[in-house]
C-alpha atoms as a PDB file:
ATOM      1  CA  MET A   1       0.000   0.000   0.000  1.00  0.00           C
ATOM      2  CA  THR A   2       1.470   3.345  -1.078  1.00  0.00           C
ATOM      3  CA  THR A   3       1.386   6.364   1.192  1.00  0.00           C
ATOM      4  CA  LYS A   4      -0.225   9.458  -0.325  1.00  0.00           C
ATOM      5  CA  LYS A   5       2.291  12.228  -0.913  1.00  0.00           C
ATOM      6  CA  LYS A   6       1.932  15.185   1.407  1.00  0.00           C
ATOM      7  CA  ILE A   7       1.363  18.680   0.047  1.00  0.00           C
ATOM      8  CA  ARG A   8       4.485  20.702   0.815  1.00  0.00           C
ATOM      9  CA  VAL A   9       3.733  24.230   2.012  1.00  0.00           C
ATOM     10  CA  CYS A  10       5.687  27.454   2.429  1.00  0.00           C
ATOM     11  CA  VAL A  11       4.031  30.230   4.459  1.00  0.00           C
ATOM     12  CA  ALA A  12       5.048  33.860   3.903  1.00  0.00           C
ATOM     13  CA  GLY A  13       4.198  35.960   6.918  1.00  0.00           C
ATOM     14  CA  ALA A  14       4.517  32.869   9.088  1.00  0.00           C
ATOM     15  CA  THR A  15       5.031  34.716  12.371  1.00  0.00           C
ATOM     16  CA  GLY A  16       2.159  37.182  11.903  1.00  0.00           C
ATOM     17  CA  TRP A  17      -1.269  37.105  13.525  1.00  0.00           C
ATOM     18  CA  ALA A  18      -2.963  34.862  10.941  1.00  0.00           C
ATOM     19  CA  GLY A  19       0.128  33.159   9.527  1.00  0.00           C
ATOM     20  CA  SER A  20       1.305  31.831  12.876  1.00  0.00           C
ATOM     21  CA  GLU A  21      -2.069  30.263  13.639  1.00  0.00           C
ATOM     22  CA  LEU A  22      -2.133  28.653  10.200  1.00  0.00           C
ATOM     23  CA  CYS A  23       1.359  27.220  10.686  1.00  0.00           C
ATOM     24  CA  LYS A  24       0.234  25.622  13.940  1.00  0.00           C
ATOM     25  CA  GLY A  25      -2.710  24.114  12.082  1.00  0.00           C
ATOM     26  CA  ILE A  26      -0.608  22.772   9.211  1.00  0.00           C
ATOM     27  CA  VAL A  27       1.787  20.827  11.451  1.00  0.00           C
ATOM     28  CA  LEU A  28      -1.182  19.071  13.059  1.00  0.00           C
ATOM     29  CA  THR A  29      -2.461  17.685   9.747  1.00  0.00           C
ATOM     30  CA  GLU A  30      -1.463  14.377   8.208  1.00  0.00           C
ATOM     31  CA  ASP A  31      -1.700  15.394   4.539  1.00  0.00           C
ATOM     32  CA  LEU A  32       0.230  18.702   4.667  1.00  0.00           C
ATOM     33  CA  GLU A  33       3.889  19.404   5.410  1.00  0.00           C
ATOM     34  CA  LEU A  34       5.240  22.827   6.362  1.00  0.00           C
ATOM     35  CA  VAL A  35       8.686  22.915   4.752  1.00  0.00           C
ATOM     36  CA  SER A  36       9.694  26.579   4.979  1.00  0.00           C
ATOM     37  CA  ALA A  37       8.597  30.029   6.084  1.00  0.00           C
ATOM     38  CA  VAL A  38       9.215  33.676   5.246  1.00  0.00           C
ATOM     39  CA  SER A  39       9.584  36.328   7.934  1.00  0.00           C
ATOM     40  CA  ARG A  40      12.041  39.132   7.337  1.00  0.00           C
ATOM     41  CA  LYS A  41      12.502  40.010  10.993  1.00  0.00           C
ATOM     42  CA  ASN A  42      13.039  36.359  12.011  1.00  0.00           C
ATOM     43  CA  ALA A  43      15.228  35.184   9.137  1.00  0.00           C
ATOM     44  CA  GLY A  44      17.753  32.552  10.100  1.00  0.00           C
ATOM     45  CA  LYS A  45      15.738  31.171  12.990  1.00  0.00           C
ATOM     46  CA  ALA A  46      13.707  27.972  13.284  1.00  0.00           C
ATOM     47  CA  LEU A  47       9.932  28.400  13.137  1.00  0.00           C
ATOM     48  CA  ASN A  48       9.619  25.600  15.680  1.00  0.00           C
ATOM     49  CA  ASP A  49      11.264  27.788  18.330  1.00  0.00           C
ATOM     50  CA  LEU A  50       9.379  30.943  17.367  1.00  0.00           C
ATOM     51  CA  LEU A  51       5.936  29.288  17.521  1.00  0.00           C
ATOM     52  CA  SER A  52       6.695  26.531  20.044  1.00  0.00           C
ATOM     53  CA  LEU A  53       6.018  23.795  17.494  1.00  0.00           C
ATOM     54  CA  SER A  54       6.939  20.446  18.994  1.00  0.00           C
ATOM     55  CA  HIS A  55       7.485  16.988  17.488  1.00  0.00           C
ATOM     56  CA  THR A  56       8.304  18.342  14.020  1.00  0.00           C
ATOM     57  CA  PRO A  57      11.574  18.660  12.089  1.00  0.00           C
ATOM     58  CA  ASP A  58      13.098  22.125  12.159  1.00  0.00           C
ATOM     59  CA  ILE A  59      11.308  24.508   9.768  1.00  0.00           C
ATOM     60  CA  PRO A  60      13.723  27.161   8.437  1.00  0.00           C
ATOM     61  CA  VAL A  61      12.699  30.833   8.270  1.00  0.00           C
ATOM     62  CA  PHE A  62      14.018  32.959   5.410  1.00  0.00           C
ATOM     63  CA  GLY A  63      14.070  36.682   4.800  1.00  0.00           C
ATOM     64  CA  THR A  64      12.983  36.519   1.145  1.00  0.00           C
ATOM     65  CA  ILE A  65      10.659  34.433  -0.969  1.00  0.00           C
ATOM     66  CA  GLU A  66      13.514  33.603  -3.351  1.00  0.00           C
ATOM     67  CA  GLU A  67      15.485  31.968  -0.532  1.00  0.00           C
ATOM     68  CA  ALA A  68      12.451  30.102   0.808  1.00  0.00           C
ATOM     69  CA  LEU A  69      11.533  28.647  -2.587  1.00  0.00           C
ATOM     70  CA  ALA A  70      14.973  27.064  -2.832  1.00  0.00           C
ATOM     71  CA  ILE A  71      13.345  24.375  -0.690  1.00  0.00           C
ATOM     72  CA  PRO A  72      10.898  22.560  -3.003  1.00  0.00           C
ATOM     73  CA  CYS A  73       7.239  23.126  -2.165  1.00  0.00           C
ATOM     74  CA  ASP A  74       3.854  22.695  -3.824  1.00  0.00           C
ATOM     75  CA  VAL A  75       1.941  25.645  -2.380  1.00  0.00           C
ATOM     76  CA  LEU A  76       2.868  29.114  -1.168  1.00  0.00           C
ATOM     77  CA  VAL A  77       0.480  30.763   1.265  1.00  0.00           C
ATOM     78  CA  ASP A  78       0.962  34.517   1.316  1.00  0.00           C
ATOM     79  CA  TYR A  79      -0.071  36.322   4.508  1.00  0.00           C
ATOM     80  CA  THR A  80       2.000  39.474   4.132  1.00  0.00           C
ATOM     81  CA  LYS A  81       1.306  43.021   2.907  1.00  0.00           C
ATOM     82  CA  PRO A  82       0.052  44.328  -0.455  1.00  0.00           C
ATOM     83  CA  ALA A  83       3.355  46.051  -1.208  1.00  0.00           C
ATOM     84  CA  ILE A  84       5.239  42.734  -1.354  1.00  0.00           C
ATOM     85  CA  ALA A  85       2.505  40.126  -1.888  1.00  0.00           C
ATOM     86  CA  LYS A  86       2.236  40.621  -5.646  1.00  0.00           C
ATOM     87  CA  HIS A  87       5.985  40.091  -6.116  1.00  0.00           C
ATOM     88  CA  GLN A  88       5.902  36.939  -4.006  1.00  0.00           C
ATOM     89  CA  VAL A  89       2.921  35.492  -5.855  1.00  0.00           C
ATOM     90  CA  ILE A  90       4.511  36.115  -9.265  1.00  0.00           C
ATOM     91  CA  THR A  91       7.855  34.709  -8.101  1.00  0.00           C
ATOM     92  CA  ALA A  92       6.190  31.510  -6.874  1.00  0.00           C
ATOM     93  CA  LEU A  93       4.202  31.038 -10.087  1.00  0.00           C
ATOM     94  CA  ALA A  94       7.349  31.451 -12.174  1.00  0.00           C
ATOM     95  CA  GLN A  95       8.900  28.608 -10.184  1.00  0.00           C
ATOM     96  CA  GLY A  96       5.934  26.291 -10.721  1.00  0.00           C
ATOM     97  CA  VAL A  97       4.376  26.746  -7.281  1.00  0.00           C
ATOM     98  CA  ASN A  98       0.624  27.161  -6.742  1.00  0.00           C
ATOM     99  CA  VAL A  99      -0.401  30.075  -4.510  1.00  0.00           C
ATOM    100  CA  VAL A 100      -3.042  30.773  -1.878  1.00  0.00           C
ATOM    101  CA  VAL A 101      -3.382  34.510  -1.251  1.00  0.00           C
ATOM    102  CA  GLY A 102      -4.597  35.566   2.178  1.00  0.00           C
ATOM    103  CA  THR A 103      -3.166  39.084   1.924  1.00  0.00           C
ATOM    104  CA  SER A 104      -5.617  41.989   1.716  1.00  0.00           C
ATOM    105  CA  GLY A 105      -5.258  44.994  -0.525  1.00  0.00           C
ATOM    106  CA  LEU A 106      -4.398  43.631  -3.974  1.00  0.00           C
ATOM    107  CA  SER A 107      -6.434  45.386  -6.681  1.00  0.00           C
ATOM    108  CA  ASP A 108      -8.484  43.983  -9.541  1.00  0.00           C
ATOM    109  CA  SER A 109      -5.715  45.049 -11.936  1.00  0.00           C
ATOM    110  CA  ASP A 110      -3.166  43.195  -9.783  1.00  0.00           C
ATOM    111  CA  TYR A 111      -5.260  40.072 -10.071  1.00  0.00           C
ATOM    112  CA  GLU A 112      -5.648  40.487 -13.827  1.00  0.00           C
ATOM    113  CA  GLU A 113      -1.864  40.402 -14.134  1.00  0.00           C
ATOM    114  CA  ILE A 114      -1.561  37.504 -11.693  1.00  0.00           C
ATOM    115  CA  SER A 115      -4.242  35.579 -13.594  1.00  0.00           C
ATOM    116  CA  SER A 116      -2.340  35.976 -16.865  1.00  0.00           C
ATOM    117  CA  ILE A 117       0.917  34.792 -15.282  1.00  0.00           C
ATOM    118  CA  ALA A 118      -0.828  31.812 -13.665  1.00  0.00           C
ATOM    119  CA  ASP A 119      -2.237  30.794 -17.062  1.00  0.00           C
ATOM    120  CA  GLN A 120       1.155  31.182 -18.737  1.00  0.00           C
ATOM    121  CA  ASN A 121       2.792  28.932 -16.153  1.00  0.00           C
ATOM    122  CA  LYS A 122      -0.151  26.509 -15.973  1.00  0.00           C
ATOM    123  CA  ARG A 123      -0.398  27.036 -12.235  1.00  0.00           C
ATOM    124  CA  ALA A 124      -3.181  28.098  -9.879  1.00  0.00           C
ATOM    125  CA  VAL A 125      -3.872  31.026  -7.595  1.00  0.00           C
ATOM    126  CA  LEU A 126      -6.696  30.938  -5.082  1.00  0.00           C
ATOM    127  CA  ALA A 127      -7.221  34.433  -3.661  1.00  0.00           C
ATOM    128  CA  VAL A 128      -9.276  34.494  -0.481  1.00  0.00           C
ATOM    129  CA  GLY A 129     -10.052  37.796   1.185  1.00  0.00           C
ATOM    130  CA  ASN A 130     -11.226  36.011   4.306  1.00  0.00           C
ATOM    131  CA  PHE A 131     -10.943  32.298   5.119  1.00  0.00           C
ATOM    132  CA  ALA A 132     -13.725  32.266   7.730  1.00  0.00           C
ATOM    133  CA  ILE A 133     -16.573  29.966   6.712  1.00  0.00           C
ATOM    134  CA  SER A 134     -19.080  32.622   7.851  1.00  0.00           C
ATOM    135  CA  VAL A 135     -17.642  35.028   5.260  1.00  0.00           C
ATOM    136  CA  VAL A 136     -17.930  32.396   2.543  1.00  0.00           C
ATOM    137  CA  LEU A 137     -21.602  32.033   3.435  1.00  0.00           C
ATOM    138  CA  LEU A 138     -22.058  35.826   3.510  1.00  0.00           C
ATOM    139  CA  ASN A 139     -20.726  36.018  -0.047  1.00  0.00           C
ATOM    140  CA  LYS A 140     -23.028  33.262  -1.240  1.00  0.00           C
ATOM    141  CA  PHE A 141     -26.120  34.676   0.451  1.00  0.00           C
ATOM    142  CA  ALA A 142     -25.333  38.192  -0.798  1.00  0.00           C
ATOM    143  CA  GLU A 143     -25.000  36.923  -4.374  1.00  0.00           C
ATOM    144  CA  MET A 144     -28.399  35.281  -4.033  1.00  0.00           C
ATOM    145  CA  ALA A 145     -29.968  38.437  -2.607  1.00  0.00           C
ATOM    146  CA  ALA A 146     -28.487  40.676  -5.323  1.00  0.00           C
ATOM    147  CA  LYS A 147     -30.439  38.745  -7.955  1.00  0.00           C
ATOM    148  CA  TYR A 148     -33.711  39.889  -6.387  1.00  0.00           C
ATOM    149  CA  MET A 149     -32.875  43.108  -4.503  1.00  0.00           C
ATOM    150  CA  PRO A 150     -31.190  45.671  -6.806  1.00  0.00           C
ATOM    151  CA  ASN A 151     -30.198  48.269  -4.177  1.00  0.00           C
ATOM    152  CA  TRP A 152     -27.339  47.519  -1.794  1.00  0.00           C
ATOM    153  CA  GLU A 153     -24.263  48.971  -0.115  1.00  0.00           C
ATOM    154  CA  ILE A 154     -21.324  47.413   1.747  1.00  0.00           C
ATOM    155  CA  ILE A 155     -19.850  48.443   5.093  1.00  0.00           C
ATOM    156  CA  ASP A 156     -16.384  47.225   6.035  1.00  0.00           C
ATOM    157  CA  TYR A 157     -15.274  47.433   9.688  1.00  0.00           C
ATOM    158  CA  ALA A 158     -11.769  46.915  11.074  1.00  0.00           C
ATOM    159  CA  SER A 159      -9.294  48.062  13.686  1.00  0.00           C
ATOM    160  CA  ASP A 160      -7.763  51.528  13.382  1.00  0.00           C
ATOM    161  CA  ARG A 161      -4.435  49.727  12.843  1.00  0.00           C
ATOM    162  CA  LYS A 162      -5.517  48.027   9.608  1.00  0.00           C
ATOM    163  CA  ILE A 163      -3.576  49.780   6.874  1.00  0.00           C
ATOM    164  CA  ASP A 164      -5.570  48.717   3.806  1.00  0.00           C
ATOM    165  CA  SER A 165      -8.994  50.093   2.982  1.00  0.00           C
ATOM    166  CA  PRO A 166     -11.250  48.548   1.969  1.00  0.00           C
ATOM    167  CA  SER A 167     -10.351  45.081   3.199  1.00  0.00           C
ATOM    168  CA  GLY A 168      -9.589  42.157   0.923  1.00  0.00           C
ATOM    169  CA  SER A 169     -12.852  40.568   2.044  1.00  0.00           C
ATOM    170  CA  THR A 170     -14.724  43.646   0.859  1.00  0.00           C
ATOM    171  CA  LEU A 171     -12.992  43.714  -2.512  1.00  0.00           C
ATOM    172  CA  GLU A 172     -13.735  40.032  -2.965  1.00  0.00           C
ATOM    173  CA  LEU A 173     -17.420  40.567  -2.139  1.00  0.00           C
ATOM    174  CA  ALA A 174     -17.669  43.595  -4.437  1.00  0.00           C
ATOM    175  CA  ASN A 175     -16.080  41.588  -7.239  1.00  0.00           C
ATOM    176  CA  LYS A 176     -18.606  38.789  -6.823  1.00  0.00           C
ATOM    177  CA  LEU A 177     -21.644  41.072  -6.622  1.00  0.00           C
ATOM    178  CA  SER A 178     -20.541  43.007  -9.701  1.00  0.00           C
ATOM    179  CA  LYS A 179     -20.875  39.782 -11.674  1.00  0.00           C
ATOM    180  CA  VAL A 180     -24.533  39.573 -10.638  1.00  0.00           C
ATOM    181  CA  ARG A 181     -25.448  43.156 -11.585  1.00  0.00           C
ATOM    182  CA  GLU A 182     -24.556  46.767 -10.862  1.00  0.00           C
ATOM    183  CA  ALA A 183     -26.156  48.078  -7.677  1.00  0.00           C
ATOM    184  CA  HIS A 184     -28.977  50.499  -8.444  1.00  0.00           C
ATOM    185  CA  LYS A 185     -28.750  54.037  -7.073  1.00  0.00           C
ATOM    186  CA  THR A 186     -32.046  55.902  -6.917  1.00  0.00           C
ATOM    187  CA  ILE A 187     -30.124  59.203  -6.956  1.00  0.00           C
ATOM    188  CA  PRO A 188     -26.864  59.029  -8.931  1.00  0.00           C
ATOM    189  CA  ILE A 189     -23.822  59.915  -6.844  1.00  0.00           C
ATOM    190  CA  ALA A 190     -23.016  62.763  -9.244  1.00  0.00           C
ATOM    191  CA  ASP A 191     -26.394  64.336  -8.365  1.00  0.00           C
ATOM    192  CA  THR A 192     -25.840  64.125  -4.603  1.00  0.00           C
ATOM    193  CA  LYS A 193     -26.109  67.532  -2.926  1.00  0.00           C
ATOM    194  CA  GLY A 194     -23.526  68.349  -0.282  1.00  0.00           C
ATOM    195  CA  ILE A 195     -20.338  66.316   0.202  1.00  0.00           C
ATOM    196  CA  LYS A 196     -20.406  63.453  -2.287  1.00  0.00           C
ATOM    197  CA  GLU A 197     -17.615  61.545  -0.498  1.00  0.00           C
ATOM    198  CA  THR A 198     -19.981  60.787   2.387  1.00  0.00           C
ATOM    199  CA  ARG A 199     -21.751  58.351   0.059  1.00  0.00           C
ATOM    200  CA  GLY A 200     -18.667  56.135   0.111  1.00  0.00           C
ATOM    201  CA  ALA A 201     -16.382  54.918  -2.668  1.00  0.00           C
ATOM    202  CA  ASN A 202     -17.739  53.407  -5.854  1.00  0.00           C
ATOM    203  CA  ILE A 203     -16.206  49.963  -6.323  1.00  0.00           C
ATOM    204  CA  ASN A 204     -17.418  47.845  -9.221  1.00  0.00           C
ATOM    205  CA  GLY A 205     -20.658  49.822  -9.381  1.00  0.00           C
ATOM    206  CA  MET A 206     -21.577  49.758  -5.672  1.00  0.00           C
ATOM    207  CA  GLN A 207     -21.003  52.082  -2.734  1.00  0.00           C
ATOM    208  CA  VAL A 208     -18.517  50.866  -0.112  1.00  0.00           C
ATOM    209  CA  HIS A 209     -17.881  52.426   3.296  1.00  0.00           C
ATOM    210  CA  SER A 210     -14.867  51.557   5.473  1.00  0.00           C
ATOM    211  CA  VAL A 211     -14.831  52.129   9.229  1.00  0.00           C
ATOM    212  CA  ARG A 212     -11.447  52.017  10.998  1.00  0.00           C
ATOM    213  CA  LEU A 213     -11.765  52.364  14.776  1.00  0.00           C
ATOM    214  CA  PRO A 214     -10.286  50.882  17.982  1.00  0.00           C
ATOM    215  CA  GLY A 215     -12.441  48.104  19.344  1.00  0.00           C
ATOM    216  CA  PHE A 216     -13.173  46.519  15.973  1.00  0.00           C
ATOM    217  CA  VAL A 217     -11.382  43.441  14.675  1.00  0.00           C
ATOM    218  CA  ILE A 218     -13.020  42.507  11.379  1.00  0.00           C
ATOM    219  CA  ALA A 219     -16.636  42.779  10.289  1.00  0.00           C
ATOM    220  CA  LEU A 220     -18.349  42.899   6.914  1.00  0.00           C
ATOM    221  CA  GLU A 221     -21.922  43.927   6.265  1.00  0.00           C
ATOM    222  CA  THR A 222     -24.062  44.022   3.138  1.00  0.00           C
ATOM    223  CA  ILE A 223     -27.304  45.980   3.386  1.00  0.00           C
ATOM    224  CA  PHE A 224     -30.024  45.449   0.768  1.00  0.00           C
ATOM    225  CA  GLY A 225     -33.014  47.771   0.547  1.00  0.00           C
ATOM    226  CA  MET A 226     -36.358  47.778  -1.238  1.00  0.00           C
ATOM    227  CA  GLU A 227     -39.532  49.738  -0.651  1.00  0.00           C
ATOM    228  CA  ASP A 228     -40.615  49.088   2.956  1.00  0.00           C
ATOM    229  CA  GLU A 229     -38.164  46.221   3.475  1.00  0.00           C
ATOM    230  CA  LYS A 230     -34.461  45.645   4.002  1.00  0.00           C
ATOM    231  CA  LEU A 231     -32.072  42.729   4.442  1.00  0.00           C
ATOM    232  CA  THR A 232     -28.803  42.862   6.381  1.00  0.00           C
ATOM    233  CA  ILE A 233     -26.177  40.109   6.088  1.00  0.00           C
ATOM    234  CA  LYS A 234     -23.247  40.551   8.463  1.00  0.00           C
ATOM    235  CA  HIS A 235     -20.107  38.693   9.494  1.00  0.00           C
ATOM    236  CA  GLU A 236     -18.249  39.575  12.690  1.00  0.00           C
ATOM    237  CA  ALA A 237     -14.953  38.168  13.960  1.00  0.00           C
ATOM    238  CA  GLY A 238     -13.293  38.173  17.347  1.00  0.00           C
ATOM    239  CA  ALA A 239      -9.655  38.754  18.230  1.00  0.00           C
ATOM    240  CA  SER A 240      -8.482  35.188  17.537  1.00  0.00           C
ATOM    241  CA  ALA A 241      -7.171  33.989  14.163  1.00  0.00           C
ATOM    242  CA  LYS A 242      -8.503  30.474  14.773  1.00  0.00           C
ATOM    243  CA  PRO A 243     -11.662  30.938  12.612  1.00  0.00           C
ATOM    244  CA  TYR A 244      -9.461  31.313   9.533  1.00  0.00           C
ATOM    245  CA  VAL A 245      -7.426  28.120   9.885  1.00  0.00           C
ATOM    246  CA  GLN A 246      -9.843  25.506   8.553  1.00  0.00           C
ATOM    247  CA  GLY A 247     -10.691  27.594   5.507  1.00  0.00           C
ATOM    248  CA  ALA A 248      -6.987  28.147   4.778  1.00  0.00           C
ATOM    249  CA  LEU A 249      -6.259  24.417   5.076  1.00  0.00           C
ATOM    250  CA  LEU A 250      -9.081  23.734   2.627  1.00  0.00           C
ATOM    251  CA  ALA A 251      -7.635  26.321   0.228  1.00  0.00           C
ATOM    252  CA  ILE A 252      -4.200  24.661   0.356  1.00  0.00           C
ATOM    253  CA  ARG A 253      -5.751  21.298  -0.476  1.00  0.00           C
ATOM    254  CA  LYS A 254      -7.887  22.661  -3.328  1.00  0.00           C
ATOM    255  CA  VAL A 255      -5.520  25.084  -5.085  1.00  0.00           C
ATOM    256  CA  GLY A 256      -3.890  22.276  -7.038  1.00  0.00           C
ATOM    257  CA  THR A 257      -7.186  21.101  -8.539  1.00  0.00           C
ATOM    258  CA  PHE A 258      -7.480  23.807 -11.220  1.00  0.00           C
ATOM    259  CA  THR A 259      -5.393  26.148 -13.379  1.00  0.00           C
ATOM    260  CA  GLY A 260      -5.539  29.946 -13.430  1.00  0.00           C
ATOM    261  CA  LEU A 261      -7.060  32.340 -10.895  1.00  0.00           C
ATOM    262  CA  LYS A 262     -10.067  31.830  -8.665  1.00  0.00           C
ATOM    263  CA  ARG A 263     -11.197  34.493  -6.215  1.00  0.00           C
ATOM    264  CA  GLY A 264     -13.077  33.290  -3.169  1.00  0.00           C
ATOM    265  CA  LEU A 265     -13.070  30.104  -1.146  1.00  0.00           C
ATOM    266  CA  ASP A 266     -16.621  29.382  -2.279  1.00  0.00           C
ATOM    267  CA  ASN A 267     -15.248  28.619  -5.764  1.00  0.00           C
ATOM    268  CA  VAL A 268     -13.668  25.411  -4.470  1.00  0.00           C
ATOM    269  CA  MET A 269     -16.418  24.413  -2.051  1.00  0.00           C
ATOM    270  CA  ASP A 270     -19.298  22.070  -2.805  1.00  0.00           C
ATOM    271  CA  PHE A 271     -22.507  23.730  -1.642  1.00  0.00           C
ATOM    272  CA  ASN A 272     -24.611  20.899  -3.019  1.00  0.00           C
ATOM    273  CA  ALA A 273     -23.122  18.277  -0.698  1.00  0.00           C
END
């Protein structure tokens, strides 16, 4: 009986809030193997010591993606920052590595370029703005609602320390809803009297509002309105990164099952099961 080959994983941003929790989850699975990590401030150290990972071989930490990919892997998970994530994704694809993107802040144009490079290299990128299952369900339910309720707006909440606005989850949701239809505006934004910016930013044909305040972690809300009725679909997260682990593990397992770019964890989930 042959043993199934493990999926070898490199995590960029391995010592961060979400990346560290994912690394702890990976080493507890039987079908995944964490082979390397990227953390500029911890380069040269062993991830085992940094995260107190026991009963596993030493996992080296590198300062750059180029150094980390010298160790063969099947999937790169990027949990870094927008300014460096695009470079790391493209570098991995060029070396024949599939990529799961958990970094917020990449634009639609960034993903157009990434999609083209993934196709050229016959590799896959699964971009997930938020790995929480509740967010996946929010996206699905919002897509369903948009088919029947033409007026909606999105509110994105996060800590005052979150540098990107709107969040990756919000961009992912806006991208999905734009494929259903453009949100109807009873009064066009251009005809708004007063300060037009208070109506939010127009993203893919819908108004998006970002709140950045202490006391918030992550929340995402889609509000649909019709005459004398409204529907609110909202996801809220606590301070722990644990809700994102299972979704990220699923993404790692699924990213090798297709070629090109997919945006959203729901694209690799079976909702008919």
